Amino acid sequence: MPNCSPCGLAVLEGRIDATTYRAVVEYVSPVPLFSSGCEAADHGETDIDAPAAEARSLINKIARARNDLVE
């Protein structure tokens, strides 16, 4: 995270210490991340119109447990 102005400001304000700042700036995700929000959204919408059997089963399970969902 090369440009972390909010974190630098938090250090100046005493909200985080230098160790926390370094941990944030040097953090590397252990899993691959999408290069953009659009790429993540595209991935998330894969098969949305025709969910696989396992996904349909989970959708039905959630729908049974919640009464605030609208179809």
PDB file of N, CA and C in Angstrom:
ATOM      1  N   MET A   1       0.860  -1.175   0.000  1.00  0.00           N
ATOM      2  CA  MET A   1       0.000   0.000   0.000  1.00  0.00           C
ATOM      3  C   MET A   1       0.902   1.231   0.000  1.00  0.00           C
ATOM      4  N   PRO A   2       1.358   1.617  -1.177  1.00  0.00           N
ATOM      5  CA  PRO A   2       2.363   2.672  -1.271  1.00  0.00           C
ATOM      6  C   PRO A   2       1.882   4.040  -0.810  1.00  0.00           C
ATOM      7  N   ASN A   3       0.631   4.378  -0.998  1.00  0.00           N
ATOM      8  CA  ASN A   3       0.143   5.692  -0.590  1.00  0.00           C
ATOM      9  C   ASN A   3      -0.962   5.496   0.431  1.00  0.00           C
ATOM     10  N   CYS A   4      -0.616   5.670   1.690  1.00  0.00           N
ATOM     11  CA  CYS A   4      -1.586   5.433   2.750  1.00  0.00           C
ATOM     12  C   CYS A   4      -1.725   6.693   3.594  1.00  0.00           C
ATOM     13  N   SER A   5      -2.179   7.772   2.958  1.00  0.00           N
ATOM     14  CA  SER A   5      -2.319   9.047   3.655  1.00  0.00           C
ATOM     15  C   SER A   5      -3.207   8.961   4.889  1.00  0.00           C
ATOM     16  N   PRO A   6      -4.348   8.254   4.842  1.00  0.00           N
ATOM     17  CA  PRO A   6      -5.162   8.161   6.056  1.00  0.00           C
ATOM     18  C   PRO A   6      -4.405   7.521   7.211  1.00  0.00           C
ATOM     19  N   CYS A   7      -3.562   6.545   6.902  1.00  0.00           N
ATOM     20  CA  CYS A   7      -2.785   5.908   7.965  1.00  0.00           C
ATOM     21  C   CYS A   7      -1.734   6.867   8.519  1.00  0.00           C
ATOM     22  N   GLY A   8      -1.102   7.615   7.625  1.00  0.00           N
ATOM     23  CA  GLY A   8      -0.125   8.613   8.082  1.00  0.00           C
ATOM     24  C   GLY A   8      -0.775   9.652   8.969  1.00  0.00           C
ATOM     25  N   LEU A   9      -1.968  10.072   8.594  1.00  0.00           N
ATOM     26  CA  LEU A   9      -2.712  11.030   9.404  1.00  0.00           C
ATOM     27  C   LEU A   9      -3.068  10.415  10.758  1.00  0.00           C
ATOM     28  N   ALA A  10      -3.443   9.138  10.752  1.00  0.00           N
ATOM     29  CA  ALA A  10      -3.778   8.466  12.016  1.00  0.00           C
ATOM     30  C   ALA A  10      -2.568   8.419  12.945  1.00  0.00           C
ATOM     31  N   VAL A  11      -1.367   8.243  12.386  1.00  0.00           N
ATOM     32  CA  VAL A  11      -0.156   8.266  13.214  1.00  0.00           C
ATOM     33  C   VAL A  11       0.038   9.658  13.800  1.00  0.00           C
ATOM     34  N   LEU A  12      -0.090  10.676  12.960  1.00  0.00           N
ATOM     35  CA  LEU A  12       0.091  12.052  13.439  1.00  0.00           C
ATOM     36  C   LEU A  12      -0.910  12.411  14.525  1.00  0.00           C
ATOM     37  N   GLU A  13      -2.127  11.881  14.421  1.00  0.00           N
ATOM     38  CA  GLU A  13      -3.169  12.160  15.415  1.00  0.00           C
ATOM     39  C   GLU A  13      -3.060  11.259  16.639  1.00  0.00           C
ATOM     40  N   GLY A  14      -2.134  10.313  16.613  1.00  0.00           N
ATOM     41  CA  GLY A  14      -1.964   9.407  17.745  1.00  0.00           C
ATOM     42  C   GLY A  14      -3.014   8.307  17.808  1.00  0.00           C
ATOM     43  N   ARG A  15      -3.707   8.083  16.719  1.00  0.00           N
ATOM     44  CA  ARG A  15      -4.755   7.057  16.705  1.00  0.00           C
ATOM     45  C   ARG A  15      -4.181   5.662  16.473  1.00  0.00           C
ATOM     46  N   ILE A  16      -3.043   5.582  15.783  1.00  0.00           N
ATOM     47  CA  ILE A  16      -2.310   4.325  15.639  1.00  0.00           C
ATOM     48  C   ILE A  16      -0.834   4.609  15.857  1.00  0.00           C
ATOM     49  N   ASP A  17      -0.093   3.560  16.220  1.00  0.00           N
ATOM     50  CA  ASP A  17       1.339   3.752  16.433  1.00  0.00           C
ATOM     51  C   ASP A  17       2.121   3.367  15.173  1.00  0.00           C
ATOM     52  N   ALA A  18       3.424   3.596  15.224  1.00  0.00           N
ATOM     53  CA  ALA A  18       4.273   3.348  14.057  1.00  0.00           C
ATOM     54  C   ALA A  18       4.287   1.874  13.667  1.00  0.00           C
ATOM     55  N   THR A  19       4.204   0.988  14.641  1.00  0.00           N
ATOM     56  CA  THR A  19       4.197  -0.449  14.354  1.00  0.00           C
ATOM     57  C   THR A  19       2.957  -0.828  13.555  1.00  0.00           C
ATOM     58  N   THR A  20       1.815  -0.300  13.943  1.00  0.00           N
ATOM     59  CA  THR A  20       0.567  -0.573  13.216  1.00  0.00           C
ATOM     60  C   THR A  20       0.645   0.016  11.822  1.00  0.00           C
ATOM     61  N   TYR A  21       1.162   1.217  11.717  1.00  0.00           N
ATOM     62  CA  TYR A  21       1.321   1.853  10.406  1.00  0.00           C
ATOM     63  C   TYR A  21       2.161   0.978   9.479  1.00  0.00           C
ATOM     64  N   ARG A  22       3.306   0.504   9.978  1.00  0.00           N
ATOM     65  CA  ARG A  22       4.184  -0.350   9.172  1.00  0.00           C
ATOM     66  C   ARG A  22       3.464  -1.636   8.771  1.00  0.00           C
ATOM     67  N   ALA A  23       2.706  -2.217   9.702  1.00  0.00           N
ATOM     68  CA  ALA A  23       1.972  -3.456   9.394  1.00  0.00           C
ATOM     69  C   ALA A  23       0.973  -3.227   8.269  1.00  0.00           C
ATOM     70  N   VAL A  24       0.291  -2.093   8.271  1.00  0.00           N
ATOM     71  CA  VAL A  24      -0.683  -1.783   7.221  1.00  0.00           C
ATOM     72  C   VAL A  24       0.026  -1.553   5.889  1.00  0.00           C
ATOM     73  N   VAL A  25       1.058  -0.756   5.902  1.00  0.00           N
ATOM     74  CA  VAL A  25       1.768  -0.400   4.670  1.00  0.00           C
ATOM     75  C   VAL A  25       2.453  -1.617   4.043  1.00  0.00           C
ATOM     76  N   GLU A  26       2.957  -2.516   4.864  1.00  0.00           N
ATOM     77  CA  GLU A  26       3.695  -3.668   4.360  1.00  0.00           C
ATOM     78  C   GLU A  26       2.817  -4.901   4.139  1.00  0.00           C
ATOM     79  N   TYR A  27       1.532  -4.812   4.432  1.00  0.00           N
ATOM     80  CA  TYR A  27       0.639  -5.968   4.321  1.00  0.00           C
ATOM     81  C   TYR A  27       0.542  -6.464   2.884  1.00  0.00           C
ATOM     82  N   VAL A  28       0.611  -7.770   2.737  1.00  0.00           N
ATOM     83  CA  VAL A  28       0.411  -8.423   1.450  1.00  0.00           C
ATOM     84  C   VAL A  28      -0.656  -9.491   1.670  1.00  0.00           C
ATOM     85  N   SER A  29      -1.723  -9.438   0.893  1.00  0.00           N
ATOM     86  CA  SER A  29      -2.809 -10.402   1.030  1.00  0.00           C
ATOM     87  C   SER A  29      -2.313 -11.815   0.739  1.00  0.00           C
ATOM     88  N   PRO A  30      -2.725 -12.785   1.549  1.00  0.00           N
ATOM     89  CA  PRO A  30      -2.308 -14.167   1.303  1.00  0.00           C
ATOM     90  C   PRO A  30      -3.091 -14.831   0.158  1.00  0.00           C
ATOM     91  N   VAL A  31      -4.131 -14.167  -0.313  1.00  0.00           N
ATOM     92  CA  VAL A  31      -4.925 -14.711  -1.420  1.00  0.00           C
ATOM     93  C   VAL A  31      -4.920 -13.708  -2.570  1.00  0.00           C
ATOM     94  N   PRO A  32      -5.061 -14.187  -3.789  1.00  0.00           N
ATOM     95  CA  PRO A  32      -5.095 -13.269  -4.926  1.00  0.00           C
ATOM     96  C   PRO A  32      -6.315 -12.340  -4.847  1.00  0.00           C
ATOM     97  N   LEU A  33      -6.123 -11.090  -5.225  1.00  0.00           N
ATOM     98  CA  LEU A  33      -7.205 -10.112  -5.223  1.00  0.00           C
ATOM     99  C   LEU A  33      -7.522  -9.709  -6.652  1.00  0.00           C
ATOM    100  N   PHE A  34      -8.734  -9.214  -6.855  1.00  0.00           N
ATOM    101  CA  PHE A  34      -9.112  -8.718  -8.171  1.00  0.00           C
ATOM    102  C   PHE A  34      -8.420  -7.386  -8.404  1.00  0.00           C
ATOM    103  N   SER A  35      -8.146  -7.089  -9.663  1.00  0.00           N
ATOM    104  CA  SER A  35      -7.429  -5.852  -9.979  1.00  0.00           C
ATOM    105  C   SER A  35      -8.338  -4.631  -9.921  1.00  0.00           C
ATOM    106  N   SER A  36      -9.665  -4.853  -9.920  1.00  0.00           N
ATOM    107  CA  SER A  36     -10.583  -3.716  -9.849  1.00  0.00           C
ATOM    108  C   SER A  36     -11.919  -4.169  -9.274  1.00  0.00           C
ATOM    109  N   GLY A  37     -12.716  -3.212  -8.873  1.00  0.00           N
ATOM    110  CA  GLY A  37     -14.060  -3.506  -8.399  1.00  0.00           C
ATOM    111  C   GLY A  37     -14.920  -4.089  -9.501  1.00  0.00           C
ATOM    112  N   CYS A  38     -14.720  -3.606 -10.720  1.00  0.00           N
ATOM    113  CA  CYS A  38     -15.490  -4.126 -11.867  1.00  0.00           C
ATOM    114  C   CYS A  38     -15.165  -5.598 -12.105  1.00  0.00           C
ATOM    115  N   GLU A  39     -13.900  -5.937 -12.013  1.00  0.00           N
ATOM    116  CA  GLU A  39     -13.503  -7.336 -12.199  1.00  0.00           C
ATOM    117  C   GLU A  39     -14.121  -8.218 -11.112  1.00  0.00           C
ATOM    118  N   ALA A  40     -14.126  -7.742  -9.885  1.00  0.00           N
ATOM    119  CA  ALA A  40     -14.736  -8.492  -8.789  1.00  0.00           C
ATOM    120  C   ALA A  40     -16.241  -8.644  -8.989  1.00  0.00           C
ATOM    121  N   ALA A  41     -16.893  -7.570  -9.437  1.00  0.00           N
ATOM    122  CA  ALA A  41     -18.338  -7.620  -9.681  1.00  0.00           C
ATOM    123  C   ALA A  41     -18.663  -8.597 -10.804  1.00  0.00           C
ATOM    124  N   ASP A  42     -17.880  -8.571 -11.864  1.00  0.00           N
ATOM    125  CA  ASP A  42     -18.095  -9.510 -12.964  1.00  0.00           C
ATOM    126  C   ASP A  42     -17.980 -10.950 -12.476  1.00  0.00           C
ATOM    127  N   HIS A  43     -16.990 -11.210 -11.660  1.00  0.00           N
ATOM    128  CA  HIS A  43     -16.809 -12.547 -11.104  1.00  0.00           C
ATOM    129  C   HIS A  43     -18.000 -12.925 -10.220  1.00  0.00           C
ATOM    130  N   GLY A  44     -18.440 -11.993  -9.388  1.00  0.00           N
ATOM    131  CA  GLY A  44     -19.545 -12.253  -8.480  1.00  0.00           C
ATOM    132  C   GLY A  44     -20.860 -12.517  -9.184  1.00  0.00           C
ATOM    133  N   GLU A  45     -20.996 -11.990 -10.384  1.00  0.00           N
ATOM    134  CA  GLU A  45     -22.240 -12.174 -11.138  1.00  0.00           C
ATOM    135  C   GLU A  45     -22.190 -13.367 -12.089  1.00  0.00           C
ATOM    136  N   THR A  46     -21.088 -14.102 -12.075  1.00  0.00           N
ATOM    137  CA  THR A  46     -20.975 -15.282 -12.923  1.00  0.00           C
ATOM    138  C   THR A  46     -22.092 -16.262 -12.577  1.00  0.00           C
ATOM    139  N   ASP A  47     -22.790 -16.732 -13.574  1.00  0.00           N
ATOM    140  CA  ASP A  47     -23.870 -17.715 -13.421  1.00  0.00           C
ATOM    141  C   ASP A  47     -25.046 -17.213 -12.583  1.00  0.00           C
ATOM    142  N   ILE A  48     -25.184 -15.896 -12.420  1.00  0.00           N
ATOM    143  CA  ILE A  48     -26.260 -15.361 -11.593  1.00  0.00           C
ATOM    144  C   ILE A  48     -27.640 -15.683 -12.185  1.00  0.00           C
ATOM    145  N   ASP A  49     -27.720 -15.756 -13.500  1.00  0.00           N
ATOM    146  CA  ASP A  49     -29.003 -16.059 -14.141  1.00  0.00           C
ATOM    147  C   ASP A  49     -29.305 -17.552 -14.193  1.00  0.00           C
ATOM    148  N   ALA A  50     -28.296 -18.374 -13.988  1.00  0.00           N
ATOM    149  CA  ALA A  50     -28.484 -19.828 -14.019  1.00  0.00           C
ATOM    150  C   ALA A  50     -27.556 -20.465 -12.989  1.00  0.00           C
ATOM    151  N   PRO A  51     -27.875 -20.322 -11.681  1.00  0.00           N
ATOM    152  CA  PRO A  51     -26.998 -20.855 -10.650  1.00  0.00           C
ATOM    153  C   PRO A  51     -26.877 -22.382 -10.713  1.00  0.00           C
ATOM    154  N   ALA A  52     -25.727 -22.875 -10.357  1.00  0.00           N
ATOM    155  CA  ALA A  52     -25.497 -24.319 -10.296  1.00  0.00           C
ATOM    156  C   ALA A  52     -26.357 -24.914  -9.184  1.00  0.00           C
ATOM    157  N   ALA A  53     -26.475 -26.233  -9.172  1.00  0.00           N
ATOM    158  CA  ALA A  53     -27.325 -26.922  -8.197  1.00  0.00           C
ATOM    159  C   ALA A  53     -26.923 -26.590  -6.759  1.00  0.00           C
ATOM    160  N   GLU A  54     -25.633 -26.565  -6.482  1.00  0.00           N
ATOM    161  CA  GLU A  54     -25.168 -26.262  -5.119  1.00  0.00           C
ATOM    162  C   GLU A  54     -25.553 -24.841  -4.716  1.00  0.00           C
ATOM    163  N   ALA A  55     -25.393 -23.903  -5.637  1.00  0.00           N
ATOM    164  CA  ALA A  55     -25.769 -22.508  -5.350  1.00  0.00           C
ATOM    165  C   ALA A  55     -27.274 -22.394  -5.138  1.00  0.00           C
ATOM    166  N   ARG A  56     -28.056 -23.058  -5.973  1.00  0.00           N
ATOM    167  CA  ARG A  56     -29.514 -23.025  -5.833  1.00  0.00           C
ATOM    168  C   ARG A  56     -29.940 -23.586  -4.476  1.00  0.00           C
ATOM    169  N   SER A  57     -29.277 -24.650  -4.034  1.00  0.00           N
ATOM    170  CA  SER A  57     -29.566 -25.242  -2.729  1.00  0.00           C
ATOM    171  C   SER A  57     -29.305 -24.241  -1.601  1.00  0.00           C
ATOM    172  N   LEU A  58     -28.179 -23.526  -1.685  1.00  0.00           N
ATOM    173  CA  LEU A  58     -27.855 -22.518  -0.663  1.00  0.00           C
ATOM    174  C   LEU A  58     -28.827 -21.346  -0.709  1.00  0.00           C
ATOM    175  N   ILE A  59     -29.214 -20.937  -1.909  1.00  0.00           N
ATOM    176  CA  ILE A  59     -30.188 -19.850  -2.056  1.00  0.00           C
ATOM    177  C   ILE A  59     -31.498 -20.243  -1.382  1.00  0.00           C
ATOM    178  N   ASN A  60     -31.947 -21.461  -1.627  1.00  0.00           N
ATOM    179  CA  ASN A  60     -33.192 -21.933  -1.022  1.00  0.00           C
ATOM    180  C   ASN A  60     -33.085 -22.014   0.495  1.00  0.00           C
ATOM    181  N   LYS A  61     -31.944 -22.446   0.992  1.00  0.00           N
ATOM    182  CA  LYS A  61     -31.726 -22.538   2.444  1.00  0.00           C
ATOM    183  C   LYS A  61     -31.819 -21.151   3.083  1.00  0.00           C
ATOM    184  N   ILE A  62     -31.193 -20.164   2.467  1.00  0.00           N
ATOM    185  CA  ILE A  62     -31.243 -18.795   2.989  1.00  0.00           C
ATOM    186  C   ILE A  62     -32.670 -18.259   2.923  1.00  0.00           C
ATOM    187  N   ALA A  63     -33.343 -18.509   1.812  1.00  0.00           N
ATOM    188  CA  ALA A  63     -34.716 -18.012   1.654  1.00  0.00           C
ATOM    189  C   ALA A  63     -35.641 -18.604   2.709  1.00  0.00           C
ATOM    190  N   ARG A  64     -35.443 -19.858   3.083  1.00  0.00           N
ATOM    191  CA  ARG A  64     -36.270 -20.484   4.121  1.00  0.00           C
ATOM    192  C   ARG A  64     -36.005 -19.863   5.493  1.00  0.00           C
ATOM    193  N   ALA A  65     -34.756 -19.460   5.738  1.00  0.00           N
ATOM    194  CA  ALA A  65     -34.374 -18.936   7.048  1.00  0.00           C
ATOM    195  C   ALA A  65     -34.718 -17.462   7.229  1.00  0.00           C
ATOM    196  N   ARG A  66     -34.886 -16.738   6.137  1.00  0.00           N
ATOM    197  CA  ARG A  66     -35.128 -15.292   6.232  1.00  0.00           C
ATOM    198  C   ARG A  66     -36.480 -14.945   5.624  1.00  0.00           C
ATOM    199  N   ASN A  67     -37.204 -14.075   6.302  1.00  0.00           N
ATOM    200  CA  ASN A  67     -38.491 -13.670   5.786  1.00  0.00           C
ATOM    201  C   ASN A  67     -38.482 -12.237   5.251  1.00  0.00           C
ATOM    202  N   ASP A  68     -37.306 -11.642   5.187  1.00  0.00           N
ATOM    203  CA  ASP A  68     -37.204 -10.247   4.722  1.00  0.00           C
ATOM    204  C   ASP A  68     -36.723 -10.151   3.286  1.00  0.00           C
ATOM    205  N   LEU A  69     -36.609 -11.275   2.600  1.00  0.00           N
ATOM    206  CA  LEU A  69     -36.124 -11.273   1.225  1.00  0.00           C
ATOM    207  C   LEU A  69     -37.286 -11.175   0.259  1.00  0.00           C
ATOM    208  N   VAL A  70     -37.055 -10.483  -0.840  1.00  0.00           N
ATOM    209  CA  VAL A  70     -38.075 -10.312  -1.868  1.00  0.00           C
ATOM    210  C   VAL A  70     -37.570 -10.923  -3.154  1.00  0.00           C
ATOM    211  N   GLU A  71     -38.403 -11.672  -3.823  1.00  0.00           N
ATOM    212  CA  GLU A  71     -38.004 -12.259  -5.113  1.00  0.00           C
ATOM    213  C   GLU A  71     -38.557 -11.461  -6.241  1.00  0.00           C
TER     214      GLU A  71
END
